[in-house]
C-alpha atoms as a PDB file:
ATOM      1  CA  MET A   1     140.515  22.082 132.046  1.00  0.00           C
ATOM      2  CA  ASN A   2     141.216  19.658 134.617  1.00  0.00           C
ATOM      3  CA  ASN A   3     142.622  20.571 138.468  1.00  0.00           C
ATOM      4  CA  SER A   4     146.202  19.725 137.491  1.00  0.00           C
ATOM      5  CA  GLU A   5     145.916  22.016 133.919  1.00  0.00           C
ATOM      6  CA  TYR A   6     144.003  24.768 136.191  1.00  0.00           C
ATOM      7  CA  THR A   7     146.745  25.202 139.403  1.00  0.00           C
ATOM      8  CA  GLN A   8     149.984  24.892 136.834  1.00  0.00           C
ATOM      9  CA  TRP A   9     148.279  27.781 134.828  1.00  0.00           C
ATOM     10  CA  VAL A  10     147.843  29.721 137.900  1.00  0.00           C
ATOM     11  CA  ILE A  11     151.018  29.233 139.006  1.00  0.00           C
ATOM     12  CA  GLU A  12     151.841  30.456 135.068  1.00  0.00           C
ATOM     13  CA  LEU A  13     149.250  33.746 135.640  1.00  0.00           C
ATOM     14  CA  LYS A  14     150.490  35.117 138.917  1.00  0.00           C
ATOM     15  CA  GLN A  15     153.869  34.865 137.864  1.00  0.00           C
ATOM     16  CA  ARG A  16     152.549  36.742 134.722  1.00  0.00           C
ATOM     17  CA  ILE A  17     150.929  39.211 137.210  1.00  0.00           C
ATOM     18  CA  LYS A  18     153.984  39.778 139.099  1.00  0.00           C
ATOM     19  CA  ASN A  19     156.215  40.723 135.590  1.00  0.00           C
ATOM     20  CA  ALA A  20     153.307  43.084 134.484  1.00  0.00           C
ATOM     21  CA  GLN A  21     153.319  44.822 137.604  1.00  0.00           C
ATOM     22  CA  ILE A  22     157.443  45.898 137.478  1.00  0.00           C
ATOM     23  CA  LYS A  23     156.827  46.949 133.311  1.00  0.00           C
ATOM     24  CA  ALA A  24     153.715  49.061 135.121  1.00  0.00           C
ATOM     25  CA  ALA A  25     155.728  51.308 136.700  1.00  0.00           C
ATOM     26  CA  VAL A  26     156.456  52.390 132.707  1.00  0.00           C
ATOM     27  CA  LYS A  27     152.990  51.895 131.411  1.00  0.00           C
ATOM     28  CA  VAL A  28     150.922  51.433 133.339  1.00  0.00           C
ATOM     29  CA  ASN A  29     147.696  51.298 131.436  1.00  0.00           C
ATOM     30  CA  LYS A  30     148.839  49.444 128.041  1.00  0.00           C
ATOM     31  CA  GLU A  31     150.479  46.584 130.551  1.00  0.00           C
ATOM     32  CA  LEU A  32     147.466  45.951 132.565  1.00  0.00           C
ATOM     33  CA  ILE A  33     145.362  45.568 129.625  1.00  0.00           C
ATOM     34  CA  ASN A  34     147.942  43.758 127.658  1.00  0.00           C
ATOM     35  CA  LEU A  35     147.697  41.222 131.279  1.00  0.00           C
ATOM     36  CA  TYR A  36     143.506  41.605 131.024  1.00  0.00           C
ATOM     37  CA  TRP A  37     143.659  40.603 126.995  1.00  0.00           C
ATOM     38  CA  SER A  38     146.172  37.089 128.002  1.00  0.00           C
ATOM     39  CA  ILE A  39     143.545  36.029 131.127  1.00  0.00           C
ATOM     40  CA  GLY A  40     140.473  36.074 128.537  1.00  0.00           C
ATOM     41  CA  ARG A  41     142.434  34.484 126.116  1.00  0.00           C
ATOM     42  CA  ASP A  42     143.056  31.870 128.361  1.00  0.00           C
ATOM     43  CA  ILE A  43     139.457  31.685 129.685  1.00  0.00           C
ATOM     44  CA  VAL A  44     138.346  30.909 126.009  1.00  0.00           C
ATOM     45  CA  GLU A  45     141.529  28.878 124.401  1.00  0.00           C
ATOM     46  CA  LYS A  46     141.424  26.817 127.377  1.00  0.00           C
ATOM     47  CA  LYS A  47     138.008  26.414 128.030  1.00  0.00           C
ATOM     48  CA  ALA A  48     138.769  27.144 131.315  1.00  0.00           C
ATOM     49  CA  GLU A  49     134.855  27.523 132.970  1.00  0.00           C
ATOM     50  CA  ASP A  50     134.222  24.112 131.249  1.00  0.00           C
ATOM     51  CA  SER A  51     134.708  21.812 134.752  1.00  0.00           C
ATOM     52  CA  THR A  52     133.792  24.278 136.985  1.00  0.00           C
ATOM     53  CA  GLY A  53     131.074  26.053 135.103  1.00  0.00           C
ATOM     54  CA  ASP A  54     130.116  29.371 137.257  1.00  0.00           C
ATOM     55  CA  ASN A  55     132.065  28.861 139.635  1.00  0.00           C
ATOM     56  CA  PHE A  56     135.462  28.957 138.076  1.00  0.00           C
ATOM     57  CA  TYR A  57     135.160  33.129 138.194  1.00  0.00           C
ATOM     58  CA  LYS A  58     134.985  32.861 141.667  1.00  0.00           C
ATOM     59  CA  ARG A  59     137.576  30.566 142.494  1.00  0.00           C
ATOM     60  CA  ILE A  60     140.577  32.415 140.046  1.00  0.00           C
ATOM     61  CA  SER A  61     138.874  35.396 141.619  1.00  0.00           C
ATOM     62  CA  ARG A  62     139.927  34.205 144.970  1.00  0.00           C
ATOM     63  CA  ASP A  63     142.827  32.784 143.930  1.00  0.00           C
ATOM     64  CA  LEU A  64     144.122  35.813 142.975  1.00  0.00           C
ATOM     65  CA  GLN A  65     143.158  38.261 144.696  1.00  0.00           C
ATOM     66  CA  THR A  66     144.406  35.777 147.912  1.00  0.00           C
ATOM     67  CA  GLU A  67     148.012  36.305 146.341  1.00  0.00           C
ATOM     68  CA  PHE A  68     147.331  39.545 144.999  1.00  0.00           C
ATOM     69  CA  PRO A  69     146.004  41.451 148.072  1.00  0.00           C
ATOM     70  CA  ASP A  70     146.462  45.047 146.668  1.00  0.00           C
ATOM     71  CA  ILE A  71     145.454  44.569 143.217  1.00  0.00           C
ATOM     72  CA  LYS A  72     141.461  45.673 142.799  1.00  0.00           C
ATOM     73  CA  GLY A  73     141.224  44.336 139.883  1.00  0.00           C
ATOM     74  CA  PHE A  74     140.338  40.827 140.110  1.00  0.00           C
ATOM     75  CA  SER A  75     136.832  41.218 140.674  1.00  0.00           C
ATOM     76  CA  GLU A  76     133.967  37.710 139.559  1.00  0.00           C
ATOM     77  CA  ARG A  77     132.940  40.554 136.813  1.00  0.00           C
ATOM     78  CA  ASN A  78     136.007  42.427 135.821  1.00  0.00           C
ATOM     79  CA  ILE A  79     137.486  38.753 135.190  1.00  0.00           C
ATOM     80  CA  LEU A  80     134.121  38.059 133.149  1.00  0.00           C
ATOM     81  CA  TYR A  81     135.142  41.583 131.291  1.00  0.00           C
ATOM     82  CA  MET A  82     138.291  40.434 130.270  1.00  0.00           C
ATOM     83  CA  ARG A  83     136.538  37.374 128.548  1.00  0.00           C
ATOM     84  CA  SER A  84     134.345  39.247 127.069  1.00  0.00           C
ATOM     85  CA  MET A  85     136.985  41.918 125.794  1.00  0.00           C
ATOM     86  CA  TYR A  86     138.860  38.845 124.209  1.00  0.00           C
ATOM     87  CA  LEU A  87     135.679  37.594 122.501  1.00  0.00           C
ATOM     88  CA  LEU A  88     134.629  40.709 121.225  1.00  0.00           C
ATOM     89  CA  PHE A  89     138.017  41.704 119.526  1.00  0.00           C
ATOM     90  CA  SER A  90     139.847  38.825 118.297  1.00  0.00           C
ATOM     91  CA  PRO A  91     137.345  38.010 115.618  1.00  0.00           C
ATOM     92  CA  LEU A  92     138.974  41.322 114.120  1.00  0.00           C
ATOM     93  CA  VAL A  93     142.387  39.977 115.028  1.00  0.00           C
ATOM     94  CA  LYS A  94     141.662  37.025 113.187  1.00  0.00           C
ATOM     95  CA  GLU A  95     139.978  38.916 110.570  1.00  0.00           C
ATOM     96  CA  LEU A  96     142.379  40.952 109.359  1.00  0.00           C
ATOM     97  CA  PRO A  97     145.565  39.031 110.870  1.00  0.00           C
ATOM     98  CA  GLN A  98     147.439  41.929 112.811  1.00  0.00           C
ATOM     99  CA  VAL A  99     146.422  45.148 110.768  1.00  0.00           C
ATOM    100  CA  VAL A 100     143.255  46.551 110.067  1.00  0.00           C
ATOM    101  CA  ALA A 101     142.896  50.168 108.531  1.00  0.00           C
ATOM    102  CA  VAL A 102     142.719  53.196 111.105  1.00  0.00           C
ATOM    103  CA  GLU A 103     141.206  56.471 110.139  1.00  0.00           C
ATOM    104  CA  THR A 104     143.887  59.887 111.274  1.00  0.00           C
ATOM    105  CA  GLU A 105     143.625  63.369 111.109  1.00  0.00           C
ATOM    106  CA  VAL A 106     145.292  63.132 107.611  1.00  0.00           C
ATOM    107  CA  PRO A 107     143.488  61.745 105.033  1.00  0.00           C
ATOM    108  CA  GLN A 108     145.602  58.290 104.717  1.00  0.00           C
ATOM    109  CA  ALA A 109     145.027  55.277 106.490  1.00  0.00           C
ATOM    110  CA  VAL A 110     147.212  53.336 108.509  1.00  0.00           C
ATOM    111  CA  ALA A 111     148.188  49.877 109.605  1.00  0.00           C
ATOM    112  CA  VAL A 112     148.091  49.558 113.544  1.00  0.00           C
ATOM    113  CA  ASP A 113     147.718  45.907 115.591  1.00  0.00           C
ATOM    114  CA  VAL A 114     144.019  45.819 116.944  1.00  0.00           C
ATOM    115  CA  LYS A 115     145.029  44.120 120.632  1.00  0.00           C
ATOM    116  CA  ASP A 116     148.229  47.265 120.646  1.00  0.00           C
ATOM    117  CA  THR A 117     145.152  49.377 119.941  1.00  0.00           C
ATOM    118  CA  VAL A 118     142.629  47.965 122.405  1.00  0.00           C
ATOM    119  CA  CYS A 119     145.435  48.459 124.804  1.00  0.00           C
ATOM    120  CA  GLN A 120     145.961  52.126 124.610  1.00  0.00           C
ATOM    121  CA  ILE A 121     142.837  53.433 126.054  1.00  0.00           C
ATOM    122  CA  PRO A 122     141.703  53.082 129.978  1.00  0.00           C
ATOM    123  CA  TRP A 123     139.634  49.888 131.606  1.00  0.00           C
ATOM    124  CA  GLY A 124     136.681  51.645 131.983  1.00  0.00           C
ATOM    125  CA  HIS A 125     136.250  52.979 128.421  1.00  0.00           C
ATOM    126  CA  ILE A 126     136.546  49.712 127.302  1.00  0.00           C
ATOM    127  CA  ARG A 127     134.242  47.773 129.503  1.00  0.00           C
ATOM    128  CA  TYR A 128     131.635  51.103 128.587  1.00  0.00           C
ATOM    129  CA  ILE A 129     132.170  49.684 124.700  1.00  0.00           C
ATOM    130  CA  ILE A 130     131.661  46.044 125.383  1.00  0.00           C
ATOM    131  CA  ASP A 131     128.397  46.986 127.226  1.00  0.00           C
ATOM    132  CA  LYS A 132     127.108  49.026 124.656  1.00  0.00           C
ATOM    133  CA  SER A 133     128.316  47.538 121.163  1.00  0.00           C
ATOM    134  CA  ASN A 134     126.598  44.939 118.938  1.00  0.00           C
ATOM    135  CA  THR A 135     129.592  44.110 116.849  1.00  0.00           C
ATOM    136  CA  PRO A 136     133.262  43.719 116.774  1.00  0.00           C
ATOM    137  CA  GLN A 137     133.607  46.599 114.084  1.00  0.00           C
ATOM    138  CA  GLU A 138     131.540  49.351 116.226  1.00  0.00           C
ATOM    139  CA  ALA A 139     133.312  48.222 119.598  1.00  0.00           C
ATOM    140  CA  PHE A 140     137.004  49.126 117.657  1.00  0.00           C
ATOM    141  CA  PHE A 141     135.349  52.105 115.971  1.00  0.00           C
ATOM    142  CA  TYR A 142     134.685  53.739 119.345  1.00  0.00           C
ATOM    143  CA  VAL A 143     138.332  52.391 120.278  1.00  0.00           C
ATOM    144  CA  LYS A 144     140.017  54.338 117.695  1.00  0.00           C
ATOM    145  CA  LYS A 145     137.799  57.668 117.888  1.00  0.00           C
ATOM    146  CA  THR A 146     138.657  57.438 122.072  1.00  0.00           C
ATOM    147  CA  LEU A 147     142.160  57.193 121.444  1.00  0.00           C
ATOM    148  CA  GLU A 148     142.195  59.992 118.165  1.00  0.00           C
ATOM    149  CA  ASN A 149     140.059  62.017 120.178  1.00  0.00           C
ATOM    150  CA  GLY A 150     141.023  61.746 123.973  1.00  0.00           C
ATOM    151  CA  TRP A 151     137.195  61.237 125.115  1.00  0.00           C
ATOM    152  CA  SER A 152     136.735  61.116 128.677  1.00  0.00           C
ATOM    153  CA  ARG A 153     134.371  58.122 129.925  1.00  0.00           C
ATOM    154  CA  ALA A 154     131.215  60.712 129.543  1.00  0.00           C
ATOM    155  CA  MET A 155     132.230  61.836 126.050  1.00  0.00           C
ATOM    156  CA  LEU A 156     132.644  58.491 125.186  1.00  0.00           C
ATOM    157  CA  LEU A 157     128.966  57.527 126.256  1.00  0.00           C
ATOM    158  CA  ASN A 158     128.000  60.634 125.205  1.00  0.00           C
ATOM    159  CA  MET A 159     128.853  60.283 121.101  1.00  0.00           C
ATOM    160  CA  MET A 160     127.550  56.113 121.545  1.00  0.00           C
ATOM    161  CA  ASP A 161     124.041  57.195 122.959  1.00  0.00           C
ATOM    162  CA  THR A 162     124.361  59.677 119.661  1.00  0.00           C
ATOM    163  CA  ARG A 163     125.373  56.777 117.461  1.00  0.00           C
ATOM    164  CA  LEU A 164     128.029  58.239 115.954  1.00  0.00           C
ATOM    165  CA  TYR A 165     128.881  54.706 114.685  1.00  0.00           C
ATOM    166  CA  GLU A 166     125.874  54.843 112.529  1.00  0.00           C
ATOM    167  CA  THR A 167     125.681  58.437 111.579  1.00  0.00           C
ATOM    168  CA  GLN A 168     129.339  59.089 110.810  1.00  0.00           C
ATOM    169  CA  GLY A 169     130.089  59.716 107.255  1.00  0.00           C
ATOM    170  CA  LYS A 170     126.036  58.724 106.266  1.00  0.00           C
ATOM    171  CA  ALA A 171     125.132  62.388 104.854  1.00  0.00           C
ATOM    172  CA  ILE A 172     124.483  62.502 101.186  1.00  0.00           C
ATOM    173  CA  ASN A 173     127.502  63.528  99.150  1.00  0.00           C
ATOM    174  CA  ASN A 174     128.846  64.427  95.385  1.00  0.00           C
ATOM    175  CA  PHE A 175     132.416  64.147  97.277  1.00  0.00           C
ATOM    176  CA  THR A 176     133.736  61.531  95.307  1.00  0.00           C
ATOM    177  CA  ALA A 177     132.594  62.840  91.769  1.00  0.00           C
ATOM    178  CA  VAL A 178     134.344  66.568  92.809  1.00  0.00           C
ATOM    179  CA  MET A 179     137.036  65.751  94.804  1.00  0.00           C
ATOM    180  CA  PRO A 180     140.547  63.864  94.472  1.00  0.00           C
ATOM    181  CA  ALA A 181     140.981  60.050  96.725  1.00  0.00           C
ATOM    182  CA  PRO A 182     141.620  60.226  99.366  1.00  0.00           C
ATOM    183  CA  GLU A 183     140.329  63.451 100.494  1.00  0.00           C
ATOM    184  CA  SER A 184     137.231  62.633  99.325  1.00  0.00           C
ATOM    185  CA  ASP A 185     136.554  59.660 101.719  1.00  0.00           C
ATOM    186  CA  TYR A 186     138.098  61.583 104.498  1.00  0.00           C
ATOM    187  CA  ALA A 187     135.818  64.616 103.339  1.00  0.00           C
ATOM    188  CA  ARG A 188     132.808  61.940 103.682  1.00  0.00           C
ATOM    189  CA  GLN A 189     133.981  60.718 107.445  1.00  0.00           C
ATOM    190  CA  ILE A 190     133.864  63.878 108.798  1.00  0.00           C
ATOM    191  CA  THR A 191     129.684  64.113 107.842  1.00  0.00           C
ATOM    192  CA  LYS A 192     126.842  62.396 109.725  1.00  0.00           C
ATOM    193  CA  ASP A 193     123.265  62.030 109.237  1.00  0.00           C
ATOM    194  CA  PRO A 194     121.582  62.906 111.605  1.00  0.00           C
ATOM    195  CA  TYR A 195     123.269  65.525 113.262  1.00  0.00           C
ATOM    196  CA  ASN A 196     121.516  65.708 116.871  1.00  0.00           C
ATOM    197  CA  PHE A 197     120.629  68.965 117.956  1.00  0.00           C
ATOM    198  CA  ASP A 198     119.071  67.756 121.397  1.00  0.00           C
ATOM    199  CA  PHE A 199     121.662  70.047 123.582  1.00  0.00           C
ATOM    200  CA  LEU A 200     119.383  73.182 122.273  1.00  0.00           C
ATOM    201  CA  THR A 201     115.840  73.704 123.534  1.00  0.00           C
ATOM    202  CA  LEU A 202     113.673  76.108 120.913  1.00  0.00           C
ATOM    203  CA  ARG A 203     110.398  76.848 121.071  1.00  0.00           C
ATOM    204  CA  GLU A 204     107.597  75.385 118.850  1.00  0.00           C
ATOM    205  CA  ASP A 205     107.591  77.468 115.901  1.00  0.00           C
ATOM    206  CA  TYR A 206     111.022  78.337 115.727  1.00  0.00           C
ATOM    207  CA  LYS A 207     113.086  79.910 112.894  1.00  0.00           C
ATOM    208  CA  GLU A 208     115.802  79.793 110.914  1.00  0.00           C
ATOM    209  CA  ARG A 209     117.950  82.336 112.749  1.00  0.00           C
ATOM    210  CA  GLU A 210     116.904  80.972 116.194  1.00  0.00           C
ATOM    211  CA  LEU A 211     118.535  77.993 115.288  1.00  0.00           C
ATOM    212  CA  GLN A 212     121.700  79.306 113.805  1.00  0.00           C
ATOM    213  CA  LYS A 213     121.837  81.714 116.830  1.00  0.00           C
ATOM    214  CA  ALA A 214     121.468  78.875 119.195  1.00  0.00           C
ATOM    215  CA  LEU A 215     123.864  77.110 117.465  1.00  0.00           C
ATOM    216  CA  GLU A 216     126.118  79.737 118.136  1.00  0.00           C
ATOM    217  CA  ASP A 217     125.311  80.134 121.603  1.00  0.00           C
ATOM    218  CA  ASN A 218     126.148  76.498 122.286  1.00  0.00           C
ATOM    219  CA  ILE A 219     128.920  76.500 119.978  1.00  0.00           C
ATOM    220  CA  VAL A 220     131.590  74.384 121.835  1.00  0.00           C
ATOM    221  CA  ARG A 221     128.950  71.238 121.871  1.00  0.00           C
ATOM    222  CA  PHE A 222     127.798  72.064 118.013  1.00  0.00           C
ATOM    223  CA  LEU A 223     131.701  71.709 117.350  1.00  0.00           C
ATOM    224  CA  ILE A 224     131.434  68.632 119.424  1.00  0.00           C
ATOM    225  CA  GLU A 225     128.581  67.402 117.219  1.00  0.00           C
ATOM    226  CA  LEU A 226     130.261  68.072 114.040  1.00  0.00           C
ATOM    227  CA  GLY A 227     133.559  66.086 115.170  1.00  0.00           C
ATOM    228  CA  LYS A 228     137.061  67.036 115.360  1.00  0.00           C
ATOM    229  CA  GLY A 229     138.532  69.209 113.285  1.00  0.00           C
ATOM    230  CA  PHE A 230     136.433  72.547 112.990  1.00  0.00           C
ATOM    231  CA  ALA A 231     136.933  75.615 113.891  1.00  0.00           C
ATOM    232  CA  PHE A 232     134.072  77.987 113.629  1.00  0.00           C
ATOM    233  CA  VAL A 233     134.727  81.585 111.920  1.00  0.00           C
ATOM    234  CA  GLY A 234     131.051  82.951 112.769  1.00  0.00           C
ATOM    235  CA  ARG A 235     127.492  83.154 111.977  1.00  0.00           C
ATOM    236  CA  GLN A 236     126.100  85.325 108.722  1.00  0.00           C
ATOM    237  CA  ILE A 237     129.558  85.976 107.161  1.00  0.00           C
ATOM    238  CA  LYS A 238     128.753  88.529 104.447  1.00  0.00           C
ATOM    239  CA  LEU A 239     129.773  88.375 100.795  1.00  0.00           C
ATOM    240  CA  GLU A 240     129.730  91.519  99.274  1.00  0.00           C
ATOM    241  CA  VAL A 241     129.759  90.827  95.395  1.00  0.00           C
ATOM    242  CA  ASN A 242     130.017  93.206  93.298  1.00  0.00           C
ATOM    243  CA  GLY A 243     127.778  95.948  95.313  1.00  0.00           C
ATOM    244  CA  ASP A 244     125.100  92.776  96.381  1.00  0.00           C
ATOM    245  CA  GLU A 245     125.681  91.416  99.556  1.00  0.00           C
ATOM    246  CA  TYR A 246     124.909  87.919 101.079  1.00  0.00           C
ATOM    247  CA  TYR A 247     125.073  85.971 104.190  1.00  0.00           C
ATOM    248  CA  CYS A 248     126.284  82.777 104.739  1.00  0.00           C
ATOM    249  CA  ASP A 249     124.520  80.837 107.708  1.00  0.00           C
ATOM    250  CA  LEU A 250     127.511  79.953 109.422  1.00  0.00           C
ATOM    251  CA  LEU A 251     131.223  79.027 108.186  1.00  0.00           C
ATOM    252  CA  PHE A 252     133.653  76.619 109.753  1.00  0.00           C
ATOM    253  CA  TYR A 253     137.216  76.072 108.477  1.00  0.00           C
ATOM    254  CA  HIS A 254     138.297  71.903 108.449  1.00  0.00           C
ATOM    255  CA  ILE A 255     141.712  72.071 109.636  1.00  0.00           C
ATOM    256  CA  PRO A 256     143.473  68.951 108.601  1.00  0.00           C
ATOM    257  CA  LEU A 257     141.479  69.013 104.890  1.00  0.00           C
ATOM    258  CA  LYS A 258     142.315  72.785 104.716  1.00  0.00           C
ATOM    259  CA  ARG A 259     138.894  74.291 103.700  1.00  0.00           C
ATOM    260  CA  TYR A 260     136.102  76.309 104.155  1.00  0.00           C
ATOM    261  CA  VAL A 261     132.982  74.354 105.653  1.00  0.00           C
ATOM    262  CA  VAL A 262     129.672  76.459 104.301  1.00  0.00           C
ATOM    263  CA  VAL A 263     126.801  75.444 106.479  1.00  0.00           C
ATOM    264  CA  GLU A 264     123.482  76.090 105.545  1.00  0.00           C
ATOM    265  CA  LEU A 265     120.173  75.379 107.516  1.00  0.00           C
ATOM    266  CA  LYS A 266     116.846  74.684 107.162  1.00  0.00           C
ATOM    267  CA  THR A 267     114.221  74.436 109.277  1.00  0.00           C
ATOM    268  CA  VAL A 268     111.971  72.578 106.676  1.00  0.00           C
ATOM    269  CA  LYS A 269     111.914  69.624 104.526  1.00  0.00           C
ATOM    270  CA  PHE A 270     114.960  69.427 101.482  1.00  0.00           C
ATOM    271  CA  GLU A 271     114.069  70.942  97.952  1.00  0.00           C
ATOM    272  CA  PRO A 272     116.149  70.809  95.759  1.00  0.00           C
ATOM    273  CA  GLU A 273     116.606  74.745  94.418  1.00  0.00           C
ATOM    274  CA  PHE A 274     118.111  74.750  98.190  1.00  0.00           C
ATOM    275  CA  ILE A 275     121.790  73.356  96.426  1.00  0.00           C
ATOM    276  CA  SER A 276     122.076  76.328  94.195  1.00  0.00           C
ATOM    277  CA  LYS A 277     122.298  79.009  96.938  1.00  0.00           C
ATOM    278  CA  VAL A 278     125.271  76.284  98.725  1.00  0.00           C
ATOM    279  CA  ASN A 279     126.862  75.844  95.779  1.00  0.00           C
ATOM    280  CA  PHE A 280     126.990  80.421  95.224  1.00  0.00           C
ATOM    281  CA  TYR A 281     128.348  80.490  98.713  1.00  0.00           C
ATOM    282  CA  CYS A 282     130.726  78.137  98.234  1.00  0.00           C
ATOM    283  CA  ASN A 283     131.695  79.711  94.990  1.00  0.00           C
ATOM    284  CA  ALA A 284     131.696  83.278  96.846  1.00  0.00           C
ATOM    285  CA  VAL A 285     134.024  81.999  99.900  1.00  0.00           C
ATOM    286  CA  ASN A 286     136.614  80.436  97.002  1.00  0.00           C
ATOM    287  CA  HIS A 287     136.758  84.034  95.405  1.00  0.00           C
ATOM    288  CA  LEU A 288     136.645  86.409  98.634  1.00  0.00           C
ATOM    289  CA  ILE A 289     137.864  84.412 101.316  1.00  0.00           C
ATOM    290  CA  LYS A 290     139.834  81.369 100.687  1.00  0.00           C
ATOM    291  CA  GLY A 291     143.704  81.338 100.496  1.00  0.00           C
ATOM    292  CA  GLN A 292     145.926  80.813  98.631  1.00  0.00           C
ATOM    293  CA  ASP A 293     147.130  77.677 100.172  1.00  0.00           C
ATOM    294  CA  ASP A 294     143.423  76.455 100.721  1.00  0.00           C
ATOM    295  CA  ASN A 295     141.544  73.922  98.982  1.00  0.00           C
ATOM    296  CA  GLU A 296     137.792  74.198  97.360  1.00  0.00           C
ATOM    297  CA  THR A 297     135.143  74.818 100.040  1.00  0.00           C
ATOM    298  CA  ILE A 298     132.672  72.292 101.089  1.00  0.00           C
ATOM    299  CA  GLY A 299     128.949  72.857 101.464  1.00  0.00           C
ATOM    300  CA  LEU A 300     127.346  71.178 104.375  1.00  0.00           C
ATOM    301  CA  LEU A 301     123.175  71.634 104.237  1.00  0.00           C
ATOM    302  CA  ILE A 302     121.246  70.327 107.076  1.00  0.00           C
ATOM    303  CA  CYS A 303     117.587  70.070 107.075  1.00  0.00           C
ATOM    304  CA  LYS A 304     114.696  69.415 109.061  1.00  0.00           C
ATOM    305  CA  GLU A 305     113.730  66.484 106.990  1.00  0.00           C
ATOM    306  CA  LYS A 306     114.479  65.044 103.361  1.00  0.00           C
ATOM    307  CA  ASN A 307     114.043  62.634 100.782  1.00  0.00           C
ATOM    308  CA  ASP A 308     117.072  60.648  99.961  1.00  0.00           C
ATOM    309  CA  LEU A 309     116.782  60.043  96.566  1.00  0.00           C
ATOM    310  CA  VAL A 310     115.937  63.937  95.939  1.00  0.00           C
ATOM    311  CA  ALA A 311     118.491  64.874  97.916  1.00  0.00           C
ATOM    312  CA  GLN A 312     120.759  62.352  95.796  1.00  0.00           C
ATOM    313  CA  TRP A 313     119.106  63.405  92.620  1.00  0.00           C
ATOM    314  CA  THR A 314     119.828  66.651  93.332  1.00  0.00           C
ATOM    315  CA  ILE A 315     123.712  66.997  93.857  1.00  0.00           C
ATOM    316  CA  GLU A 316     124.787  64.199  91.127  1.00  0.00           C
ATOM    317  CA  ASN A 317     125.885  67.134  88.529  1.00  0.00           C
ATOM    318  CA  ALA A 318     126.218  69.782  91.472  1.00  0.00           C
ATOM    319  CA  PRO A 319     129.971  70.804  90.610  1.00  0.00           C
ATOM    320  CA  MET A 320     130.764  72.194  94.614  1.00  0.00           C
ATOM    321  CA  PRO A 321     131.666  69.219  96.725  1.00  0.00           C
ATOM    322  CA  ILE A 322     128.259  69.723  98.958  1.00  0.00           C
ATOM    323  CA  ALA A 323     126.876  67.035 101.126  1.00  0.00           C
ATOM    324  CA  ILE A 324     122.578  67.285 103.066  1.00  0.00           C
ATOM    325  CA  SER A 325     121.853  65.567 106.256  1.00  0.00           C
ATOM    326  CA  LYS A 326     119.316  66.339 108.958  1.00  0.00           C
ATOM    327  CA  TYR A 327     118.846  67.142 112.115  1.00  0.00           C
ATOM    328  CA  ILE A 328     117.421  65.893 115.447  1.00  0.00           C
ATOM    329  CA  LEU A 329     115.682  68.621 117.652  1.00  0.00           C
ATOM    330  CA  ASN A 330     113.428  66.991 120.445  1.00  0.00           C
ATOM    331  CA  ASN A 331     113.299  70.064 122.904  1.00  0.00           C
ATOM    332  CA  ILE A 332     110.637  72.045 121.844  1.00  0.00           C
ATOM    333  CA  ILE A 333     108.596  74.240 124.312  1.00  0.00           C
ATOM    334  CA  PRO A 334     104.865  74.219 122.783  1.00  0.00           C
ATOM    335  CA  ILE A 335     103.718  77.475 121.743  1.00  0.00           C
ATOM    336  CA  GLY A 336     101.590  79.147 124.740  1.00  0.00           C
ATOM    337  CA  SER A 337     104.488  78.662 127.187  1.00  0.00           C
ATOM    338  CA  GLY A 338     105.074  82.172 127.821  1.00  0.00           C
ATOM    339  CA  ASN A 339     108.775  81.065 127.194  1.00  0.00           C
ATOM    340  CA  SER A 340     111.226  82.550 124.403  1.00  0.00           C
ATOM    341  CA  ILE A 341     114.501  81.053 123.967  1.00  0.00           C
ATOM    342  CA  VAL A 342     116.065  83.649 121.922  1.00  0.00           C
ATOM    343  CA  ASP A 343     114.728  86.620 120.091  1.00  0.00           C
ATOM    344  CA  ASP A 344     114.222  87.096 116.023  1.00  0.00           C
ATOM    345  CA  GLU A 345     117.058  89.216 114.770  1.00  0.00           C
END
């Protein structure tokens, strides 16, 4: 880009900014991010850095801030982020011309424009995603999740720190074998492996009841960890079968799937016999609690550890839809410290 081309581009860019200012009265964020996208695209496609190198960002920042002194978004750093945004997300536009599949609250895919989706979340969120994403696919995943769930910046950072992109949908399950499509794929997406329980603090020799109670006491955080769509029904739900009483650890209802979800916790490594209990609880909930309009209950077994191959072989022919995952819990108080977080029941 020579000086003449640069001057002409800045003239066009200033007019584009003025037009965006007018539209911003109606759609502030979307128009702003659209503008940032176009600036980043121009920098890349016009190879604007080639003629002036690092000085380019100082020059364009100065020229735009002189023309628009009341706008704070034209710092050198912000313009660099505009370029980074285009470089990060544009491969998806080229790879999937105009559309990609987006998961929604219902088990179906909706085609949307990549750029249009990115432009719907705040710029501060986009900058965090740029800083912490390794691939365009990971970055767009967090854009979609932010839009679907209305995440604040703090929540977005928390989800990225807990590696939601890497964990969501990774629990071992038999959903494809026992559930109809596309519900089986959507059910897989509501599971994770591992679940992060680091919002809890327990003593070193904690029991399953203590873990259950701690999760109930921190139910808001646990619901966030489970993901959107879960509603808490209760802990130690009594299931009376022909005079015999049984109690499932935790019971949830997943609203979009219209299914109860039995969550069984184990503070030890996964053993194949655990599945028979989960399978029984699912059947009991179907007979005793499930309504006429509800779908079959899902079982979710969360263990301290698991052998993935053993877990996979165990549920290959299980009749009920079951997923197996593990949890992470690092906040442990050593034995002998004199502190007890929760009492045994």
